[in-house]
PDB file of N, CA and C in Angstrom:
ATOM      1  N   MET A   1      78.539  71.289 121.109  1.00  0.00           N
ATOM      2  CA  MET A   1      79.986  72.100 121.151  1.00  0.00           C
ATOM      3  C   MET A   1      81.281  70.687 121.189  1.00  0.00           C
ATOM      4  N   ALA A   2      81.922  71.183 120.151  1.00  0.00           N
ATOM      5  CA  ALA A   2      82.819  70.632 120.104  1.00  0.00           C
ATOM      6  C   ALA A   2      83.842  69.699 121.210  1.00  0.00           C
ATOM      7  N   VAL A   3      84.201  68.564 122.070  1.00  0.00           N
ATOM      8  CA  VAL A   3      85.158  68.338 122.854  1.00  0.00           C
ATOM      9  C   VAL A   3      86.707  68.955 122.903  1.00  0.00           C
ATOM     10  N   THR A   4      87.306  69.859 123.366  1.00  0.00           N
ATOM     11  CA  THR A   4      88.757  70.056 123.509  1.00  0.00           C
ATOM     12  C   THR A   4      89.600  69.130 123.868  1.00  0.00           C
ATOM     13  N   VAL A   5      90.823  69.457 123.256  1.00  0.00           N
ATOM     14  CA  VAL A   5      91.579  68.119 123.397  1.00  0.00           C
ATOM     15  C   VAL A   5      93.270  68.774 123.524  1.00  0.00           C
ATOM     16  N   LEU A   6      94.067  68.583 124.196  1.00  0.00           N
ATOM     17  CA  LEU A   6      95.375  68.933 124.045  1.00  0.00           C
ATOM     18  C   LEU A   6      96.074  67.423 124.162  1.00  0.00           C
ATOM     19  N   ILE A   7      96.904  67.804 122.795  1.00  0.00           N
ATOM     20  CA  ILE A   7      97.575  66.403 122.479  1.00  0.00           C
ATOM     21  C   ILE A   7      99.079  66.323 123.283  1.00  0.00           C
ATOM     22  N   VAL A   8      99.435  65.373 123.835  1.00  0.00           N
ATOM     23  CA  VAL A   8     100.627  65.393 124.373  1.00  0.00           C
ATOM     24  C   VAL A   8     101.304  64.366 123.990  1.00  0.00           C
ATOM     25  N   ASP A   9     103.003  64.553 123.229  1.00  0.00           N
ATOM     26  CA  ASP A   9     103.562  63.356 123.020  1.00  0.00           C
ATOM     27  C   ASP A   9     105.128  64.059 122.686  1.00  0.00           C
ATOM     28  N   ASP A  10     106.000  63.357 122.420  1.00  0.00           N
ATOM     29  CA  ASP A  10     107.242  63.901 122.280  1.00  0.00           C
ATOM     30  C   ASP A  10     107.805  64.187 120.793  1.00  0.00           C
ATOM     31  N   HIS A  11     107.109  62.994 120.087  1.00  0.00           N
ATOM     32  CA  HIS A  11     106.865  63.398 118.962  1.00  0.00           C
ATOM     33  C   HIS A  11     106.140  63.967 117.819  1.00  0.00           C
ATOM     34  N   PRO A  12     106.740  64.634 117.387  1.00  0.00           N
ATOM     35  CA  PRO A  12     105.859  65.852 116.386  1.00  0.00           C
ATOM     36  C   PRO A  12     105.236  64.870 114.999  1.00  0.00           C
ATOM     37  N   SER A  13     105.643  63.911 114.849  1.00  0.00           N
ATOM     38  CA  SER A  13     104.441  63.025 113.656  1.00  0.00           C
ATOM     39  C   SER A  13     103.571  62.645 114.455  1.00  0.00           C
ATOM     40  N   PHE A  14     104.027  62.581 115.841  1.00  0.00           N
ATOM     41  CA  PHE A  14     102.349  61.592 115.880  1.00  0.00           C
ATOM     42  C   PHE A  14     101.259  63.458 116.439  1.00  0.00           C
ATOM     43  N   ARG A  15     102.059  63.902 117.001  1.00  0.00           N
ATOM     44  CA  ARG A  15     101.094  64.761 117.088  1.00  0.00           C
ATOM     45  C   ARG A  15     100.216  65.568 116.330  1.00  0.00           C
ATOM     46  N   ALA A  16     101.180  65.853 114.650  1.00  0.00           N
ATOM     47  CA  ALA A  16     100.419  66.294 113.490  1.00  0.00           C
ATOM     48  C   ALA A  16      99.737  65.387 113.198  1.00  0.00           C
ATOM     49  N   THR A  17      99.616  63.584 113.189  1.00  0.00           N
ATOM     50  CA  THR A  17      99.107  63.453 112.573  1.00  0.00           C
ATOM     51  C   THR A  17      97.199  63.195 113.534  1.00  0.00           C
ATOM     52  N   ALA A  18      97.869  62.439 115.175  1.00  0.00           N
ATOM     53  CA  ALA A  18      95.949  62.898 115.885  1.00  0.00           C
ATOM     54  C   ALA A  18      95.603  64.351 116.120  1.00  0.00           C
ATOM     55  N   ARG A  19      96.349  65.447 115.521  1.00  0.00           N
ATOM     56  CA  ARG A  19      95.930  66.313 115.614  1.00  0.00           C
ATOM     57  C   ARG A  19      94.877  66.309 114.313  1.00  0.00           C
ATOM     58  N   LEU A  20      95.096  65.945 113.110  1.00  0.00           N
ATOM     59  CA  LEU A  20      94.603  65.818 111.927  1.00  0.00           C
ATOM     60  C   LEU A  20      93.576  64.982 111.903  1.00  0.00           C
ATOM     61  N   LEU A  21      93.713  63.850 112.237  1.00  0.00           N
ATOM     62  CA  LEU A  21      92.528  62.962 112.828  1.00  0.00           C
ATOM     63  C   LEU A  21      91.479  63.466 113.698  1.00  0.00           C
ATOM     64  N   LEU A  22      91.698  63.781 114.897  1.00  0.00           N
ATOM     65  CA  LEU A  22      90.803  64.159 115.457  1.00  0.00           C
ATOM     66  C   LEU A  22      90.072  64.911 114.637  1.00  0.00           C
ATOM     67  N   GLU A  23      90.539  66.821 114.635  1.00  0.00           N
ATOM     68  CA  GLU A  23      89.997  67.465 114.092  1.00  0.00           C
ATOM     69  C   GLU A  23      89.029  67.225 112.633  1.00  0.00           C
ATOM     70  N   VAL A  24      89.466  66.155 111.835  1.00  0.00           N
ATOM     71  CA  VAL A  24      88.699  65.863 110.837  1.00  0.00           C
ATOM     72  C   VAL A  24      87.429  65.247 111.484  1.00  0.00           C
ATOM     73  N   GLU A  25      87.618  64.190 112.619  1.00  0.00           N
ATOM     74  CA  GLU A  25      86.376  64.265 113.534  1.00  0.00           C
ATOM     75  C   GLU A  25      85.419  64.892 114.482  1.00  0.00           C
ATOM     76  N   GLY A  26      85.849  66.186 114.483  1.00  0.00           N
ATOM     77  CA  GLY A  26      85.026  66.704 115.413  1.00  0.00           C
ATOM     78  C   GLY A  26      85.336  67.424 116.205  1.00  0.00           C
ATOM     79  N   TYR A  27      86.971  67.147 116.664  1.00  0.00           N
ATOM     80  CA  TYR A  27      87.382  67.449 117.815  1.00  0.00           C
ATOM     81  C   TYR A  27      87.853  68.490 117.707  1.00  0.00           C
ATOM     82  N   ASP A  28      88.031  69.507 118.941  1.00  0.00           N
ATOM     83  CA  ASP A  28      88.841  70.813 118.852  1.00  0.00           C
ATOM     84  C   ASP A  28      90.369  70.607 119.650  1.00  0.00           C
ATOM     85  N   VAL A  29      91.421  70.398 118.623  1.00  0.00           N
ATOM     86  CA  VAL A  29      92.815  70.364 119.344  1.00  0.00           C
ATOM     87  C   VAL A  29      92.853  71.945 119.497  1.00  0.00           C
ATOM     88  N   VAL A  30      93.079  72.208 120.985  1.00  0.00           N
ATOM     89  CA  VAL A  30      93.539  73.396 121.154  1.00  0.00           C
ATOM     90  C   VAL A  30      94.903  73.921 121.830  1.00  0.00           C
ATOM     91  N   GLY A  31      95.651  72.540 121.648  1.00  0.00           N
ATOM     92  CA  GLY A  31      97.122  72.774 121.942  1.00  0.00           C
ATOM     93  C   GLY A  31      97.665  71.568 122.040  1.00  0.00           C
ATOM     94  N   GLU A  32      99.080  71.387 121.941  1.00  0.00           N
ATOM     95  CA  GLU A  32     100.271  70.685 122.092  1.00  0.00           C
ATOM     96  C   GLU A  32     101.723  70.494 122.965  1.00  0.00           C
ATOM     97  N   ALA A  33     101.646  69.434 123.295  1.00  0.00           N
ATOM     98  CA  ALA A  33     102.880  69.594 124.246  1.00  0.00           C
ATOM     99  C   ALA A  33     103.909  68.547 124.247  1.00  0.00           C
ATOM    100  N   ARG A  34     105.122  68.997 124.333  1.00  0.00           N
ATOM    101  CA  ARG A  34     106.310  67.791 124.211  1.00  0.00           C
ATOM    102  C   ARG A  34     106.678  67.059 125.207  1.00  0.00           C
ATOM    103  N   ASP A  35     106.368  67.205 126.056  1.00  0.00           N
ATOM    104  CA  ASP A  35     106.921  66.732 127.136  1.00  0.00           C
ATOM    105  C   ASP A  35     105.856  66.629 128.682  1.00  0.00           C
ATOM    106  N   GLY A  36     106.008  66.374 129.920  1.00  0.00           N
ATOM    107  CA  GLY A  36     105.215  66.370 130.685  1.00  0.00           C
ATOM    108  C   GLY A  36     104.762  67.519 131.612  1.00  0.00           C
ATOM    109  N   ALA A  37     105.970  68.503 132.175  1.00  0.00           N
ATOM    110  CA  ALA A  37     105.818  69.714 132.398  1.00  0.00           C
ATOM    111  C   ALA A  37     105.001  70.545 131.314  1.00  0.00           C
ATOM    112  N   GLU A  38     105.558  70.916 130.186  1.00  0.00           N
ATOM    113  CA  GLU A  38     104.230  71.310 129.361  1.00  0.00           C
ATOM    114  C   GLU A  38     103.382  71.153 129.301  1.00  0.00           C
ATOM    115  N   ALA A  39     103.263  69.751 129.593  1.00  0.00           N
ATOM    116  CA  ALA A  39     101.344  69.108 129.243  1.00  0.00           C
ATOM    117  C   ALA A  39     100.775  69.851 130.595  1.00  0.00           C
ATOM    118  N   ILE A  40     101.861  69.673 131.819  1.00  0.00           N
ATOM    119  CA  ILE A  40     101.019  70.108 133.009  1.00  0.00           C
ATOM    120  C   ILE A  40     100.536  71.457 132.807  1.00  0.00           C
ATOM    121  N   GLU A  41     101.061  72.355 132.583  1.00  0.00           N
ATOM    122  CA  GLU A  41     101.532  73.783 132.513  1.00  0.00           C
ATOM    123  C   GLU A  41     100.228  74.418 131.368  1.00  0.00           C
ATOM    124  N   LEU A  42      99.767  73.649 130.239  1.00  0.00           N
ATOM    125  CA  LEU A  42      99.171  73.776 129.073  1.00  0.00           C
ATOM    126  C   LEU A  42      97.660  73.695 129.444  1.00  0.00           C
ATOM    127  N   ALA A  43      97.514  72.175 130.312  1.00  0.00           N
ATOM    128  CA  ALA A  43      96.205  71.939 131.144  1.00  0.00           C
ATOM    129  C   ALA A  43      95.952  73.040 131.772  1.00  0.00           C
ATOM    130  N   GLU A  44      96.680  73.375 132.569  1.00  0.00           N
ATOM    131  CA  GLU A  44      96.153  74.289 133.072  1.00  0.00           C
ATOM    132  C   GLU A  44      95.775  75.622 132.799  1.00  0.00           C
ATOM    133  N   ARG A  45      96.314  76.375 131.702  1.00  0.00           N
ATOM    134  CA  ARG A  45      96.055  77.123 131.421  1.00  0.00           C
ATOM    135  C   ARG A  45      94.862  76.966 130.053  1.00  0.00           C
ATOM    136  N   LEU A  46      94.900  76.139 129.386  1.00  0.00           N
ATOM    137  CA  LEU A  46      93.713  75.897 128.394  1.00  0.00           C
ATOM    138  C   LEU A  46      93.117  75.487 128.521  1.00  0.00           C
ATOM    139  N   ARG A  47      92.428  74.637 130.106  1.00  0.00           N
ATOM    140  CA  ARG A  47      91.321  73.749 130.644  1.00  0.00           C
ATOM    141  C   ARG A  47      90.659  73.155 129.233  1.00  0.00           C
ATOM    142  N   PRO A  48      91.740  72.203 128.466  1.00  0.00           N
ATOM    143  CA  PRO A  48      90.895  71.414 127.689  1.00  0.00           C
ATOM    144  C   PRO A  48      89.669  69.965 128.369  1.00  0.00           C
ATOM    145  N   ASP A  49      89.199  69.662 127.785  1.00  0.00           N
ATOM    146  CA  ASP A  49      87.798  68.841 128.290  1.00  0.00           C
ATOM    147  C   ASP A  49      88.702  67.302 128.368  1.00  0.00           C
ATOM    148  N   LEU A  50      89.977  66.991 127.640  1.00  0.00           N
ATOM    149  CA  LEU A  50      90.490  66.032 127.399  1.00  0.00           C
ATOM    150  C   LEU A  50      91.738  66.245 127.011  1.00  0.00           C
ATOM    151  N   VAL A  51      92.518  65.438 127.481  1.00  0.00           N
ATOM    152  CA  VAL A  51      94.524  65.391 127.335  1.00  0.00           C
ATOM    153  C   VAL A  51      94.519  64.068 126.720  1.00  0.00           C
ATOM    154  N   LEU A  52      94.603  63.653 125.658  1.00  0.00           N
ATOM    155  CA  LEU A  52      95.669  62.705 124.821  1.00  0.00           C
ATOM    156  C   LEU A  52      96.736  62.699 125.178  1.00  0.00           C
ATOM    157  N   LEU A  53      97.068  61.714 126.323  1.00  0.00           N
ATOM    158  CA  LEU A  53      98.496  61.901 126.838  1.00  0.00           C
ATOM    159  C   LEU A  53      99.731  60.222 126.116  1.00  0.00           C
ATOM    160  N   ASP A  54     100.881  60.491 126.114  1.00  0.00           N
ATOM    161  CA  ASP A  54     101.760  59.350 125.978  1.00  0.00           C
ATOM    162  C   ASP A  54     101.898  59.099 126.835  1.00  0.00           C
ATOM    163  N   VAL A  55     102.307  57.612 126.854  1.00  0.00           N
ATOM    164  CA  VAL A  55     102.835  57.188 128.108  1.00  0.00           C
ATOM    165  C   VAL A  55     104.000  57.689 128.609  1.00  0.00           C
ATOM    166  N   SER A  56     105.022  57.260 127.272  1.00  0.00           N
ATOM    167  CA  SER A  56     106.586  57.365 127.287  1.00  0.00           C
ATOM    168  C   SER A  56     107.074  59.182 126.961  1.00  0.00           C
ATOM    169  N   LEU A  57     107.122  59.478 127.868  1.00  0.00           N
ATOM    170  CA  LEU A  57     107.618  60.971 127.892  1.00  0.00           C
ATOM    171  C   LEU A  57     109.046  61.464 128.406  1.00  0.00           C
ATOM    172  N   PRO A  58     109.983  62.300 127.927  1.00  0.00           N
ATOM    173  CA  PRO A  58     111.521  62.340 127.986  1.00  0.00           C
ATOM    174  C   PRO A  58     111.534  63.002 129.485  1.00  0.00           C
ATOM    175  N   ASP A  59     110.633  63.186 130.332  1.00  0.00           N
ATOM    176  CA  ASP A  59     110.779  64.228 131.634  1.00  0.00           C
ATOM    177  C   ASP A  59     110.424  63.614 132.491  1.00  0.00           C
ATOM    178  N   ILE A  60     108.831  63.688 132.661  1.00  0.00           N
ATOM    179  CA  ILE A  60     108.169  63.009 133.609  1.00  0.00           C
ATOM    180  C   ILE A  60     106.890  61.709 133.274  1.00  0.00           C
ATOM    181  N   ASP A  61     106.948  60.801 133.534  1.00  0.00           N
ATOM    182  CA  ASP A  61     105.905  59.650 132.499  1.00  0.00           C
ATOM    183  C   ASP A  61     104.643  59.862 132.594  1.00  0.00           C
ATOM    184  N   GLY A  62     103.718  59.461 131.712  1.00  0.00           N
ATOM    185  CA  GLY A  62     102.441  60.003 131.266  1.00  0.00           C
ATOM    186  C   GLY A  62     101.686  59.575 132.235  1.00  0.00           C
ATOM    187  N   PHE A  63     101.995  58.392 132.946  1.00  0.00           N
ATOM    188  CA  PHE A  63     101.437  57.893 134.509  1.00  0.00           C
ATOM    189  C   PHE A  63     101.286  58.752 135.585  1.00  0.00           C
ATOM    190  N   GLU A  64     102.519  59.573 135.678  1.00  0.00           N
ATOM    191  CA  GLU A  64     102.857  60.544 136.663  1.00  0.00           C
ATOM    192  C   GLU A  64     102.044  61.753 136.357  1.00  0.00           C
ATOM    193  N   VAL A  65     102.065  62.658 135.208  1.00  0.00           N
ATOM    194  CA  VAL A  65     101.178  63.433 134.603  1.00  0.00           C
ATOM    195  C   VAL A  65      99.889  63.317 134.547  1.00  0.00           C
ATOM    196  N   ALA A  66      99.666  62.275 134.899  1.00  0.00           N
ATOM    197  CA  ALA A  66      97.819  61.624 134.711  1.00  0.00           C
ATOM    198  C   ALA A  66      97.536  62.149 135.594  1.00  0.00           C
ATOM    199  N   ALA A  67      98.629  61.394 136.559  1.00  0.00           N
ATOM    200  CA  ALA A  67      97.678  61.399 138.039  1.00  0.00           C
ATOM    201  C   ALA A  67      97.760  62.856 138.557  1.00  0.00           C
ATOM    202  N   ARG A  68      98.571  63.508 138.439  1.00  0.00           N
ATOM    203  CA  ARG A  68      98.722  65.197 138.521  1.00  0.00           C
ATOM    204  C   ARG A  68      97.614  66.151 138.247  1.00  0.00           C
ATOM    205  N   LEU A  69      96.801  65.781 136.959  1.00  0.00           N
ATOM    206  CA  LEU A  69      96.248  66.492 136.423  1.00  0.00           C
ATOM    207  C   LEU A  69      94.607  65.714 137.018  1.00  0.00           C
ATOM    208  N   THR A  70      94.630  64.705 137.092  1.00  0.00           N
ATOM    209  CA  THR A  70      93.563  64.075 137.541  1.00  0.00           C
ATOM    210  C   THR A  70      93.319  64.688 139.021  1.00  0.00           C
ATOM    211  N   GLU A  71      94.641  64.302 140.283  1.00  0.00           N
ATOM    212  CA  GLU A  71      94.658  64.980 141.637  1.00  0.00           C
ATOM    213  C   GLU A  71      94.505  66.356 141.625  1.00  0.00           C
ATOM    214  N   ARG A  72      94.611  67.316 140.812  1.00  0.00           N
ATOM    215  CA  ARG A  72      94.102  68.578 140.507  1.00  0.00           C
ATOM    216  C   ARG A  72      92.633  68.454 140.419  1.00  0.00           C
ATOM    217  N   ALA A  73      92.120  67.824 139.274  1.00  0.00           N
ATOM    218  CA  ALA A  73      90.832  68.043 139.215  1.00  0.00           C
ATOM    219  C   ALA A  73      89.928  67.293 140.319  1.00  0.00           C
ATOM    220  N   ASN A  74      90.381  66.535 140.962  1.00  0.00           N
ATOM    221  CA  ASN A  74      89.415  65.633 142.209  1.00  0.00           C
ATOM    222  C   ASN A  74      89.547  66.876 143.403  1.00  0.00           C
ATOM    223  N   GLY A  75      90.514  67.778 143.319  1.00  0.00           N
ATOM    224  CA  GLY A  75      90.294  68.739 144.262  1.00  0.00           C
ATOM    225  C   GLY A  75      89.827  70.044 144.215  1.00  0.00           C
ATOM    226  N   ALA A  76      89.516  70.347 142.890  1.00  0.00           N
ATOM    227  CA  ALA A  76      89.173  71.708 142.287  1.00  0.00           C
ATOM    228  C   ALA A  76      87.440  71.103 142.196  1.00  0.00           C
ATOM    229  N   SER A  77      86.992  72.375 142.458  1.00  0.00           N
ATOM    230  CA  SER A  77      85.516  72.464 142.429  1.00  0.00           C
ATOM    231  C   SER A  77      85.028  72.174 141.239  1.00  0.00           C
ATOM    232  N   ALA A  78      85.701  73.101 140.093  1.00  0.00           N
ATOM    233  CA  ALA A  78      84.959  73.298 138.464  1.00  0.00           C
ATOM    234  C   ALA A  78      85.712  71.792 137.863  1.00  0.00           C
ATOM    235  N   GLY A  79      86.374  70.931 138.603  1.00  0.00           N
ATOM    236  CA  GLY A  79      86.740  69.200 137.642  1.00  0.00           C
ATOM    237  C   GLY A  79      87.751  69.830 137.003  1.00  0.00           C
ATOM    238  N   GLY A  80      88.373  68.558 135.983  1.00  0.00           N
ATOM    239  CA  GLY A  80      89.448  69.145 135.498  1.00  0.00           C
ATOM    240  C   GLY A  80      89.249  68.346 134.000  1.00  0.00           C
ATOM    241  N   PRO A  81      90.215  67.704 133.189  1.00  0.00           N
ATOM    242  CA  PRO A  81      89.841  67.206 132.071  1.00  0.00           C
ATOM    243  C   PRO A  81      90.329  65.633 132.571  1.00  0.00           C
ATOM    244  N   ALA A  82      89.372  65.168 131.433  1.00  0.00           N
ATOM    245  CA  ALA A  82      89.490  63.567 131.356  1.00  0.00           C
ATOM    246  C   ALA A  82      91.131  63.040 130.746  1.00  0.00           C
ATOM    247  N   VAL A  83      91.655  62.387 131.120  1.00  0.00           N
ATOM    248  CA  VAL A  83      92.664  61.926 130.680  1.00  0.00           C
ATOM    249  C   VAL A  83      92.490  60.555 130.353  1.00  0.00           C
ATOM    250  N   ILE A  84      93.258  60.163 128.705  1.00  0.00           N
ATOM    251  CA  ILE A  84      93.296  59.065 127.807  1.00  0.00           C
ATOM    252  C   ILE A  84      94.681  59.053 127.424  1.00  0.00           C
ATOM    253  N   LEU A  85      95.448  58.085 128.333  1.00  0.00           N
ATOM    254  CA  LEU A  85      96.801  57.333 127.994  1.00  0.00           C
ATOM    255  C   LEU A  85      96.692  56.629 126.608  1.00  0.00           C
ATOM    256  N   THR A  86      98.050  57.255 125.579  1.00  0.00           N
ATOM    257  CA  THR A  86      98.351  56.012 124.887  1.00  0.00           C
ATOM    258  C   THR A  86      99.947  56.064 124.669  1.00  0.00           C
ATOM    259  N   SER A  87     100.143  54.862 123.556  1.00  0.00           N
ATOM    260  CA  SER A  87     101.427  54.002 123.323  1.00  0.00           C
ATOM    261  C   SER A  87     101.353  53.690 122.202  1.00  0.00           C
ATOM    262  N   SER A  88     102.601  53.090 121.338  1.00  0.00           N
ATOM    263  CA  SER A  88     102.751  52.380 120.743  1.00  0.00           C
ATOM    264  C   SER A  88     103.113  50.963 121.336  1.00  0.00           C
ATOM    265  N   ARG A  89     102.821  50.664 122.348  1.00  0.00           N
ATOM    266  CA  ARG A  89     103.217  49.389 123.097  1.00  0.00           C
ATOM    267  C   ARG A  89     102.104  49.133 123.715  1.00  0.00           C
ATOM    268  N   ASP A  90     101.819  47.681 123.505  1.00  0.00           N
ATOM    269  CA  ASP A  90     100.500  47.042 123.875  1.00  0.00           C
ATOM    270  C   ASP A  90     100.377  47.313 125.291  1.00  0.00           C
ATOM    271  N   PRO A  91      98.863  47.598 125.635  1.00  0.00           N
ATOM    272  CA  PRO A  91      98.372  48.071 127.332  1.00  0.00           C
ATOM    273  C   PRO A  91      98.517  47.106 128.123  1.00  0.00           C
ATOM    274  N   SER A  92      99.073  45.748 127.912  1.00  0.00           N
ATOM    275  CA  SER A  92      98.978  44.315 128.718  1.00  0.00           C
ATOM    276  C   SER A  92     100.724  44.682 129.419  1.00  0.00           C
ATOM    277  N   ASP A  93     101.111  45.665 128.932  1.00  0.00           N
ATOM    278  CA  ASP A  93     102.812  45.990 129.045  1.00  0.00           C
ATOM    279  C   ASP A  93     102.687  46.904 130.457  1.00  0.00           C
ATOM    280  N   PHE A  94     101.639  47.514 130.508  1.00  0.00           N
ATOM    281  CA  PHE A  94     101.366  48.334 131.565  1.00  0.00           C
ATOM    282  C   PHE A  94     100.542  47.801 133.257  1.00  0.00           C
ATOM    283  N   GLY A  95     100.241  46.594 133.311  1.00  0.00           N
ATOM    284  CA  GLY A  95      99.109  46.801 134.202  1.00  0.00           C
ATOM    285  C   GLY A  95      98.378  47.282 134.917  1.00  0.00           C
ATOM    286  N   PRO A  96      98.594  47.300 135.764  1.00  0.00           N
ATOM    287  CA  PRO A  96      97.550  48.317 136.922  1.00  0.00           C
ATOM    288  C   PRO A  96      97.692  49.759 136.673  1.00  0.00           C
ATOM    289  N   LEU A  97      99.168  50.238 136.139  1.00  0.00           N
ATOM    290  CA  LEU A  97      99.714  51.383 136.315  1.00  0.00           C
ATOM    291  C   LEU A  97      98.710  52.488 135.279  1.00  0.00           C
ATOM    292  N   VAL A  98      97.848  51.784 134.142  1.00  0.00           N
ATOM    293  CA  VAL A  98      96.704  53.061 133.828  1.00  0.00           C
ATOM    294  C   VAL A  98      95.515  53.064 134.369  1.00  0.00           C
ATOM    295  N   GLN A  99      94.880  52.326 135.520  1.00  0.00           N
ATOM    296  CA  GLN A  99      93.940  52.592 135.629  1.00  0.00           C
ATOM    297  C   GLN A  99      94.193  53.265 137.666  1.00  0.00           C
ATOM    298  N   GLU A 100      95.292  52.836 137.879  1.00  0.00           N
ATOM    299  CA  GLU A 100      96.346  53.572 139.012  1.00  0.00           C
ATOM    300  C   GLU A 100      96.176  55.028 139.074  1.00  0.00           C
ATOM    301  N   SER A 101      96.624  55.710 137.492  1.00  0.00           N
ATOM    302  CA  SER A 101      97.389  56.985 137.322  1.00  0.00           C
ATOM    303  C   SER A 101      95.850  57.606 136.894  1.00  0.00           C
ATOM    304  N   GLY A 102      94.354  57.585 137.203  1.00  0.00           N
ATOM    305  CA  GLY A 102      93.379  58.138 137.088  1.00  0.00           C
ATOM    306  C   GLY A 102      92.256  58.546 135.916  1.00  0.00           C
ATOM    307  N   ALA A 103      93.631  58.053 134.753  1.00  0.00           N
ATOM    308  CA  ALA A 103      93.361  57.972 133.660  1.00  0.00           C
ATOM    309  C   ALA A 103      91.675  57.394 133.293  1.00  0.00           C
ATOM    310  N   ARG A 104      91.108  57.897 131.947  1.00  0.00           N
ATOM    311  CA  ARG A 104      90.223  57.342 132.174  1.00  0.00           C
ATOM    312  C   ARG A 104      90.076  55.997 130.963  1.00  0.00           C
ATOM    313  N   GLY A 105      91.131  55.833 130.270  1.00  0.00           N
ATOM    314  CA  GLY A 105      91.623  54.089 129.509  1.00  0.00           C
ATOM    315  C   GLY A 105      92.521  54.680 128.758  1.00  0.00           C
ATOM    316  N   PHE A 106      93.098  54.000 128.316  1.00  0.00           N
ATOM    317  CA  PHE A 106      94.014  54.027 127.404  1.00  0.00           C
ATOM    318  C   PHE A 106      93.869  53.005 125.791  1.00  0.00           C
ATOM    319  N   ILE A 107      94.507  54.048 124.952  1.00  0.00           N
ATOM    320  CA  ILE A 107      94.375  53.286 123.387  1.00  0.00           C
ATOM    321  C   ILE A 107      95.643  53.250 122.787  1.00  0.00           C
ATOM    322  N   PRO A 108      95.807  52.444 122.202  1.00  0.00           N
ATOM    323  CA  PRO A 108      96.936  51.806 121.523  1.00  0.00           C
ATOM    324  C   PRO A 108      97.189  53.235 120.137  1.00  0.00           C
ATOM    325  N   LYS A 109      98.473  53.403 120.126  1.00  0.00           N
ATOM    326  CA  LYS A 109      98.294  54.804 118.746  1.00  0.00           C
ATOM    327  C   LYS A 109      97.839  54.247 117.598  1.00  0.00           C
ATOM    328  N   ALA A 110      97.954  53.039 117.119  1.00  0.00           N
ATOM    329  CA  ALA A 110      97.366  52.730 115.798  1.00  0.00           C
ATOM    330  C   ALA A 110      96.041  52.330 116.065  1.00  0.00           C
ATOM    331  N   GLU A 111      95.289  52.419 117.324  1.00  0.00           N
ATOM    332  CA  GLU A 111      94.119  51.889 117.028  1.00  0.00           C
ATOM    333  C   GLU A 111      92.906  53.758 117.788  1.00  0.00           C
ATOM    334  N   LEU A 112      93.788  54.455 117.632  1.00  0.00           N
ATOM    335  CA  LEU A 112      93.569  55.988 117.665  1.00  0.00           C
ATOM    336  C   LEU A 112      92.367  56.592 116.537  1.00  0.00           C
ATOM    337  N   SER A 113      91.144  56.904 117.071  1.00  0.00           N
ATOM    338  CA  SER A 113      89.981  57.257 116.434  1.00  0.00           C
ATOM    339  C   SER A 113      89.234  58.252 117.595  1.00  0.00           C
ATOM    340  N   GLY A 114      88.406  59.361 116.544  1.00  0.00           N
ATOM    341  CA  GLY A 114      86.967  59.881 117.350  1.00  0.00           C
ATOM    342  C   GLY A 114      86.575  58.745 117.827  1.00  0.00           C
ATOM    343  N   ALA A 115      86.102  57.739 117.182  1.00  0.00           N
ATOM    344  CA  ALA A 115      84.899  56.737 117.817  1.00  0.00           C
ATOM    345  C   ALA A 115      85.933  55.955 119.357  1.00  0.00           C
ATOM    346  N   THR A 116      86.500  55.791 119.283  1.00  0.00           N
ATOM    347  CA  THR A 116      87.468  55.075 120.216  1.00  0.00           C
ATOM    348  C   THR A 116      87.799  55.891 121.635  1.00  0.00           C
ATOM    349  N   LEU A 117      87.982  57.557 121.415  1.00  0.00           N
ATOM    350  CA  LEU A 117      88.092  58.662 122.069  1.00  0.00           C
ATOM    351  C   LEU A 117      86.898  58.717 122.729  1.00  0.00           C
ATOM    352  N   ALA A 118      85.325  58.529 122.324  1.00  0.00           N
ATOM    353  CA  ALA A 118      84.320  58.659 122.395  1.00  0.00           C
ATOM    354  C   ALA A 118      84.075  57.545 123.494  1.00  0.00           C
ATOM    355  N   ALA A 119      84.373  56.056 123.037  1.00  0.00           N
ATOM    356  CA  ALA A 119      84.107  55.045 123.534  1.00  0.00           C
ATOM    357  C   ALA A 119      84.205  55.356 125.018  1.00  0.00           C
ATOM    358  N   LEU A 120      85.579  55.667 125.639  1.00  0.00           N
ATOM    359  CA  LEU A 120      86.043  56.301 126.692  1.00  0.00           C
ATOM    360  C   LEU A 120      85.495  57.257 127.647  1.00  0.00           C
ATOM    361  N   LEU A 121      85.580  58.029 126.991  1.00  0.00           N
ATOM    362  CA  LEU A 121      84.579  59.148 126.990  1.00  0.00           C
ATOM    363  C   LEU A 121      83.391  59.125 127.973  1.00  0.00           C
ATOM    364  N   GLY A 122      82.600  58.097 127.338  1.00  0.00           N
ATOM    365  CA  GLY A 122      81.287  57.544 127.604  1.00  0.00           C
ATOM    366  C   GLY A 122      80.403  58.492 128.012  1.00  0.00           C
TER     367      GLY A 122
END
């Protein structure tokens, strides 16, 4: 069974590119969100296995969205989505924020692939 994915990014071109790349590699993209509020709402409604989440969103930053999604997962018996953060910036720019957010890890946008996601999902 394919891993279901919610893609969260404020740039439509990145969402479209990520969707195509992931679908070609066997992932099932179940939704796309433009901002943090929409990401939280869609994650609750669609219950994806994975949320690919941009760090820089127009309303709530990706670190806060990740913390909210993983906090809910930790409090729920059914569990919640794995969260993987992404950005066009270098991961060293974020220091400990990735780990503190509850996300499984970080993938630079230029390195996004099914294999890099699978490695973090372990």
